[in-house]
Amino acid sequence: MTEYRVANKSLREIEEEEGKLSTEEHVANYIKSVAAIEECIEPFKEQKKALKQNYVENGWLDKADIKLAMKAYRMFKDEVDLEQLREFYETVGRSVR
């Protein structure tokens, strides 16, 4: 299990020091932890954006190719049932016409 740290203390250490925390305190600790994680992730987001831009600028893929490739990747990763997706796609298509 991953241990998140806030101000060089783990959440478990903070809870032990302060006793049982209120919901408001848990929310505050959660937000601090999420903010710290998002700050760590930011350079990777920029790297991903630069990679996409590099592929477009070099003419290797266009934005539509990248968008479809990422959709396919996420569907593969999430083990989407393509037959079921096709059925829902057709159902939605019929209902919005």
C-alpha atoms as a PDB file:
ATOM      1  CA  MET A   1       0.000   0.000   0.000  1.00  0.00           C
ATOM      2  CA  THR A   2       1.319   3.441  -0.923  1.00  0.00           C
ATOM      3  CA  GLU A   3       1.982   5.810   1.932  1.00  0.00           C
ATOM      4  CA  TYR A   4       1.305   9.456   1.165  1.00  0.00           C
ATOM      5  CA  ARG A   5       3.221  12.092   3.021  1.00  0.00           C
ATOM      6  CA  VAL A   6       2.129  15.595   3.968  1.00  0.00           C
ATOM      7  CA  ALA A   7       4.777  17.964   5.324  1.00  0.00           C
ATOM      8  CA  ASN A   8       7.185  15.024   5.792  1.00  0.00           C
ATOM      9  CA  LYS A   9       4.653  13.090   7.851  1.00  0.00           C
ATOM     10  CA  SER A  10       2.547  10.173   6.719  1.00  0.00           C
ATOM     11  CA  LEU A  11      -1.193  10.515   7.097  1.00  0.00           C
ATOM     12  CA  ARG A  12      -1.052   7.696   9.617  1.00  0.00           C
ATOM     13  CA  GLU A  13       1.470   9.665  11.726  1.00  0.00           C
ATOM     14  CA  ILE A  14      -0.712  12.750  11.558  1.00  0.00           C
ATOM     15  CA  GLU A  15      -3.761  10.788  12.695  1.00  0.00           C
ATOM     16  CA  GLU A  16      -1.822   9.167  15.537  1.00  0.00           C
ATOM     17  CA  GLU A  17      -0.559  12.554  16.725  1.00  0.00           C
ATOM     18  CA  GLU A  18      -3.942  14.225  16.585  1.00  0.00           C
ATOM     19  CA  GLY A  19      -6.142  11.354  17.665  1.00  0.00           C
ATOM     20  CA  LYS A  20      -9.317  10.662  15.711  1.00  0.00           C
ATOM     21  CA  LEU A  21      -9.782  13.221  12.949  1.00  0.00           C
ATOM     22  CA  SER A  22     -13.046  14.901  12.014  1.00  0.00           C
ATOM     23  CA  THR A  23     -14.477  14.621   8.526  1.00  0.00           C
ATOM     24  CA  GLU A  24     -13.332  18.167   7.826  1.00  0.00           C
ATOM     25  CA  GLU A  25      -9.779  17.272   8.865  1.00  0.00           C
ATOM     26  CA  HIS A  26      -9.851  14.150   6.685  1.00  0.00           C
ATOM     27  CA  VAL A  27     -11.039  16.270   3.755  1.00  0.00           C
ATOM     28  CA  ALA A  28      -8.238  18.767   4.343  1.00  0.00           C
ATOM     29  CA  ASN A  29      -5.640  15.985   4.521  1.00  0.00           C
ATOM     30  CA  TYR A  30      -7.070  14.349   1.406  1.00  0.00           C
ATOM     31  CA  ILE A  31      -6.920  17.606  -0.560  1.00  0.00           C
ATOM     32  CA  LYS A  32      -3.330  18.214   0.577  1.00  0.00           C
ATOM     33  CA  SER A  33      -2.361  14.718  -0.527  1.00  0.00           C
ATOM     34  CA  VAL A  34      -4.091  15.059  -3.907  1.00  0.00           C
ATOM     35  CA  ALA A  35      -2.435  18.445  -4.451  1.00  0.00           C
ATOM     36  CA  ALA A  36       0.978  16.929  -3.692  1.00  0.00           C
ATOM     37  CA  ILE A  37       0.349  14.046  -6.096  1.00  0.00           C
ATOM     38  CA  GLU A  38      -0.877  16.376  -8.855  1.00  0.00           C
ATOM     39  CA  GLU A  39       2.214  18.530  -8.396  1.00  0.00           C
ATOM     40  CA  CYS A  40       4.399  15.444  -8.877  1.00  0.00           C
ATOM     41  CA  ILE A  41       2.436  14.368 -11.956  1.00  0.00           C
ATOM     42  CA  GLU A  42       2.578  17.760 -13.700  1.00  0.00           C
ATOM     43  CA  PRO A  43       5.984  17.232 -15.390  1.00  0.00           C
ATOM     44  CA  PHE A  44       4.683  13.984 -16.900  1.00  0.00           C
ATOM     45  CA  LYS A  45       1.612  15.774 -18.270  1.00  0.00           C
ATOM     46  CA  GLU A  46       3.905  18.302 -19.941  1.00  0.00           C
ATOM     47  CA  GLN A  47       6.050  15.472 -21.332  1.00  0.00           C
ATOM     48  CA  LYS A  48       2.955  13.753 -22.745  1.00  0.00           C
ATOM     49  CA  LYS A  49       1.823  17.021 -24.337  1.00  0.00           C
ATOM     50  CA  ALA A  50       5.281  17.566 -25.867  1.00  0.00           C
ATOM     51  CA  LEU A  51       5.312  14.010 -27.241  1.00  0.00           C
ATOM     52  CA  LYS A  52       1.956  14.550 -28.934  1.00  0.00           C
ATOM     53  CA  GLN A  53       3.126  17.871 -30.361  1.00  0.00           C
ATOM     54  CA  ASN A  54       6.333  16.238 -31.634  1.00  0.00           C
ATOM     55  CA  TYR A  55       4.398  13.541 -33.507  1.00  0.00           C
ATOM     56  CA  VAL A  56       2.103  16.132 -35.079  1.00  0.00           C
ATOM     57  CA  GLU A  57       4.939  18.514 -36.020  1.00  0.00           C
ATOM     58  CA  ASN A  58       6.941  15.700 -37.634  1.00  0.00           C
ATOM     59  CA  GLY A  59       3.901  14.595 -39.613  1.00  0.00           C
ATOM     60  CA  TRP A  60       4.012  11.084 -38.188  1.00  0.00           C
ATOM     61  CA  LEU A  61       0.419  11.303 -36.901  1.00  0.00           C
ATOM     62  CA  ASP A  62      -2.248  13.962 -36.937  1.00  0.00           C
ATOM     63  CA  LYS A  63      -4.347  14.931 -33.914  1.00  0.00           C
ATOM     64  CA  ALA A  64      -7.240  12.697 -35.018  1.00  0.00           C
ATOM     65  CA  ASP A  65      -4.891   9.687 -35.309  1.00  0.00           C
ATOM     66  CA  ILE A  66      -3.537  10.312 -31.817  1.00  0.00           C
ATOM     67  CA  LYS A  67      -7.025  10.757 -30.364  1.00  0.00           C
ATOM     68  CA  LEU A  68      -8.243   7.481 -31.883  1.00  0.00           C
ATOM     69  CA  ALA A  69      -5.074   5.646 -30.883  1.00  0.00           C
ATOM     70  CA  MET A  70      -5.522   6.786 -27.277  1.00  0.00           C
ATOM     71  CA  LYS A  71      -9.195   5.791 -27.274  1.00  0.00           C
ATOM     72  CA  ALA A  72      -8.246   2.351 -28.580  1.00  0.00           C
ATOM     73  CA  TYR A  73      -5.449   2.045 -26.008  1.00  0.00           C
ATOM     74  CA  ARG A  74      -7.775   2.945 -23.123  1.00  0.00           C
ATOM     75  CA  MET A  75     -10.427   0.547 -24.361  1.00  0.00           C
ATOM     76  CA  PHE A  76      -7.835  -2.226 -24.643  1.00  0.00           C
ATOM     77  CA  LYS A  77      -6.454  -1.419 -21.200  1.00  0.00           C
ATOM     78  CA  ASP A  78      -9.981  -1.400 -19.707  1.00  0.00           C
ATOM     79  CA  GLU A  79     -10.790  -4.682 -21.485  1.00  0.00           C
ATOM     80  CA  VAL A  80     -13.826  -3.217 -23.231  1.00  0.00           C
ATOM     81  CA  ASP A  81     -16.016  -5.811 -24.929  1.00  0.00           C
ATOM     82  CA  LEU A  82     -16.052  -4.567 -28.533  1.00  0.00           C
ATOM     83  CA  GLU A  83     -19.207  -6.478 -29.430  1.00  0.00           C
ATOM     84  CA  GLN A  84     -21.076  -4.929 -26.517  1.00  0.00           C
ATOM     85  CA  LEU A  85     -19.678  -1.515 -27.413  1.00  0.00           C
ATOM     86  CA  ARG A  86     -20.826  -1.942 -31.020  1.00  0.00           C
ATOM     87  CA  GLU A  87     -24.335  -2.833 -29.837  1.00  0.00           C
ATOM     88  CA  PHE A  88     -24.484   0.237 -27.577  1.00  0.00           C
ATOM     89  CA  TYR A  89     -23.039   2.416 -30.343  1.00  0.00           C
ATOM     90  CA  GLU A  90     -25.794   1.276 -32.710  1.00  0.00           C
ATOM     91  CA  THR A  91     -28.449   1.778 -30.027  1.00  0.00           C
ATOM     92  CA  VAL A  92     -27.253   5.295 -29.322  1.00  0.00           C
ATOM     93  CA  GLY A  93     -27.071   6.007 -33.064  1.00  0.00           C
ATOM     94  CA  ARG A  94     -30.683   4.957 -33.537  1.00  0.00           C
ATOM     95  CA  SER A  95     -31.899   6.968 -30.562  1.00  0.00           C
ATOM     96  CA  VAL A  96     -30.278  10.283 -31.536  1.00  0.00           C
ATOM     97  CA  ARG A  97     -31.352  10.298 -35.182  1.00  0.00           C
END
